[in-house]
Protein backbone atom coordinates (compact mmCIF):
# COMPACT_ATOMS: atom_id res chain seq x y z
CA MET A 1 -83.19 -5.44 71.67
CA LYS A 2 -82.20 -4.52 75.20
CA SER A 3 -82.63 -7.03 78.01
CA VAL A 4 -82.56 -6.00 81.63
CA LEU A 5 -81.64 -8.92 83.85
CA ASN A 6 -82.97 -9.28 87.35
CA PHE A 7 -81.80 -12.20 89.46
CA ALA A 8 -81.45 -13.21 93.10
CA GLY A 9 -78.16 -12.77 94.92
CA VAL A 10 -77.42 -9.23 93.77
CA ASP A 11 -76.83 -8.02 97.33
CA GLU A 12 -74.35 -10.83 98.01
CA ILE A 13 -72.51 -10.10 94.75
CA ASP A 14 -72.44 -6.41 95.62
CA ASP A 15 -70.95 -7.18 99.04
CA SER A 16 -68.32 -9.44 97.46
CA LEU A 17 -67.42 -6.81 94.87
CA ALA A 18 -66.92 -4.31 97.70
CA ALA A 19 -63.92 -6.41 98.77
CA LEU A 20 -62.21 -5.44 95.50
CA PRO A 21 -60.66 -2.10 94.65
CA ARG A 22 -63.02 0.08 92.64
CA ALA A 23 -60.91 -0.25 89.47
CA ALA A 24 -61.13 -4.07 89.56
CA ARG A 25 -64.93 -4.35 89.86
CA LYS A 26 -66.04 -3.70 86.30
CA PRO A 27 -63.40 -5.96 84.72
CA VAL A 28 -64.56 -8.80 86.99
CA ILE A 29 -68.14 -8.40 85.80
CA ARG A 30 -67.07 -8.01 82.15
CA ARG A 31 -65.06 -11.24 82.24
CA ALA A 32 -67.95 -13.13 83.85
CA LEU A 33 -70.52 -11.81 81.37
CA LYS A 34 -68.27 -12.51 78.40
CA LYS A 35 -67.69 -16.08 79.55
CA GLN A 36 -71.43 -16.62 80.08
CA LEU A 37 -72.40 -15.13 76.70
CA LYS A 38 -69.84 -16.98 74.54
CA PRO A 39 -72.12 -20.05 74.13
CA VAL A 40 -74.79 -17.79 72.60
CA ALA A 41 -72.35 -16.44 70.00
CA ARG A 42 -71.02 -19.95 69.31
CA GLU A 43 -74.54 -21.34 68.82
CA ALA A 44 -75.54 -18.39 66.62
CA ASN A 45 -72.46 -19.01 64.45
CA ASN A 46 -73.44 -22.69 64.16
CA LEU A 47 -76.94 -21.69 63.02
CA TRP A 48 -75.66 -18.94 60.70
CA ALA A 49 -76.44 -19.38 57.01
CA GLY A 50 -72.88 -18.42 56.03
CA ALA A 51 -71.33 -21.51 57.66
CA GLY A 52 -67.67 -21.21 58.56
CA GLN A 53 -67.94 -17.45 59.02
CA GLU A 54 -67.64 -15.92 62.49
CA ALA A 55 -70.70 -13.74 62.09
CA PHE A 56 -71.43 -13.26 65.80
CA GLY A 57 -69.24 -12.42 68.76
CA VAL A 58 -69.30 -11.02 72.30
CA SER A 59 -68.06 -7.49 72.91
CA GLU A 60 -68.45 -4.58 75.27
CA LYS A 61 -68.53 -2.20 72.30
CA LEU A 62 -70.83 -1.78 69.36
CA ARG A 63 -69.57 -1.48 65.81
CA GLN A 64 -69.47 1.92 64.14
CA GLY A 65 -72.92 3.00 63.00
CA GLN A 66 -74.85 0.93 65.52
CA PRO A 67 -77.06 2.89 67.92
CA LYS A 68 -75.28 3.63 71.17
CA VAL A 69 -76.71 3.07 74.63
CA SER A 70 -75.89 5.54 77.37
CA PRO A 71 -75.50 3.41 80.50
CA SER A 72 -74.81 4.90 83.90
CA ASN A 73 -71.24 5.13 85.18
CA THR A 74 -71.77 2.00 87.26
CA ALA A 75 -73.38 -0.13 84.54
CA VAL A 76 -71.53 -2.89 82.72
CA THR A 77 -72.85 -3.58 79.24
CA MET A 78 -71.97 -6.57 77.08
CA TYR A 79 -73.28 -7.26 73.59
CA VAL A 80 -73.73 -10.39 71.51
CA GLY A 81 -74.05 -9.37 67.89
CA SER A 82 -72.63 -9.29 64.41
CA THR A 83 -68.92 -8.92 63.81
CA GLU A 84 -67.01 -7.04 61.11
CA ALA A 85 -66.97 -10.31 59.14
CA ALA A 86 -70.75 -10.16 58.69
CA PRO A 87 -72.04 -6.58 58.90
CA HIS A 88 -75.14 -7.74 57.01
CA ALA A 89 -76.14 -10.29 59.69
CA HIS A 90 -79.10 -8.22 60.84
CA LEU A 91 -80.56 -8.32 57.33
CA ILE A 92 -80.51 -12.11 57.35
CA GLU A 93 -81.57 -12.38 61.01
CA PHE A 94 -84.68 -10.20 60.59
CA GLY A 95 -85.18 -10.26 56.81
CA THR A 96 -86.05 -7.27 54.64
CA GLU A 97 -89.09 -5.81 52.96
CA PRO A 98 -89.23 -5.86 49.16
CA ARG A 99 -86.60 -3.41 47.90
CA TYR A 100 -86.71 -1.17 44.83
CA HIS A 101 -84.21 1.13 43.13
CA LYS A 102 -85.20 4.76 42.53
CA SER A 103 -85.92 3.75 38.94
CA GLY A 104 -88.57 1.33 40.21
CA LYS A 105 -86.57 -1.81 39.46
CA TYR A 106 -87.33 -4.59 41.97
CA VAL A 107 -84.14 -5.90 43.58
CA GLY A 108 -85.55 -8.50 45.93
CA ALA A 109 -86.46 -9.24 49.50
CA VAL A 110 -84.77 -11.37 52.12
CA ALA A 111 -86.77 -13.84 54.20
CA PRO A 112 -85.80 -13.90 57.88
CA ASP A 113 -83.37 -16.67 58.82
CA PRO A 114 -82.76 -16.12 62.54
CA SER A 115 -79.75 -17.54 64.28
CA LEU A 116 -79.00 -15.14 67.15
CA GLY A 117 -82.57 -15.20 68.51
CA PRO A 118 -82.77 -19.01 68.72
CA ALA A 119 -79.25 -19.14 70.19
CA TRP A 120 -80.27 -16.73 72.97
CA ASP A 121 -83.47 -18.69 73.62
CA ALA A 122 -81.49 -21.93 73.89
CA HIS A 123 -78.98 -20.53 76.42
CA LYS A 124 -80.73 -17.75 78.36
CA ASP A 125 -81.80 -19.89 81.33
CA GLN A 126 -78.28 -21.28 81.68
CA ILE A 127 -76.82 -17.77 81.42
CA LEU A 128 -79.19 -16.23 83.94
CA SER A 129 -78.58 -18.99 86.46
CA GLY A 130 -74.81 -18.96 85.89
CA ILE A 131 -74.04 -15.25 86.05
CA ALA A 132 -73.94 -15.03 89.84
CA SER A 133 -71.66 -18.07 90.24
CA GLU A 134 -69.40 -16.89 87.42
CA ILE A 135 -69.04 -13.45 89.01
CA GLY A 136 -68.23 -15.21 92.30
CA LYS A 137 -65.50 -17.28 90.57
CA GLU A 138 -64.07 -14.13 88.95
CA ILE A 139 -64.05 -12.28 92.29
CA GLU A 140 -62.25 -15.19 93.95
CA ALA A 141 -59.71 -15.45 91.11
CA THR A 142 -59.08 -11.70 91.24
CA LEU A 143 -58.58 -11.75 95.01
CA ASN A 144 -56.19 -14.71 94.64
CA ARG A 145 -54.18 -12.90 91.94
CA ARG A 146 -54.02 -9.74 94.02
CA GLY A 147 -52.98 -11.78 97.09
CA ALA A 148 -50.21 -13.49 95.13
CA ARG A 149 -48.89 -10.07 94.09
CA GLY A 150 -49.05 -8.80 97.66
CA ARG A 151 -51.77 -6.20 97.10
């Protein structure tokens, strides 16, 4: 599921990012997005059927075998999804149809037990309202670090 976020203040953020060197812009946005998305992963892990297992995490990369997205050169993409500890999380999240071996033997079905979806629903308003301020904090911190180093 791909979500495209639209929110007010994009022009102001863009102007603030322009104060940073080009190489520092994407890392600022990545740090802000990661910080804003961590509560979703934490909540999903709390709701996860395999309690105690870190099934969900925040990353800028997909695991091997997951379908890749081809963003533009200026896009910053961050994912909340299953980790290596629970590569089967999607099967539990969405459930499965009845499954059969080639011999015809029935091997079961899995009922959906969502945890990531409800976690996103619980935090999305907070995330959408907090992204702009978090990017602003990251820009300020980056400018302060660069100033302290004399750059």
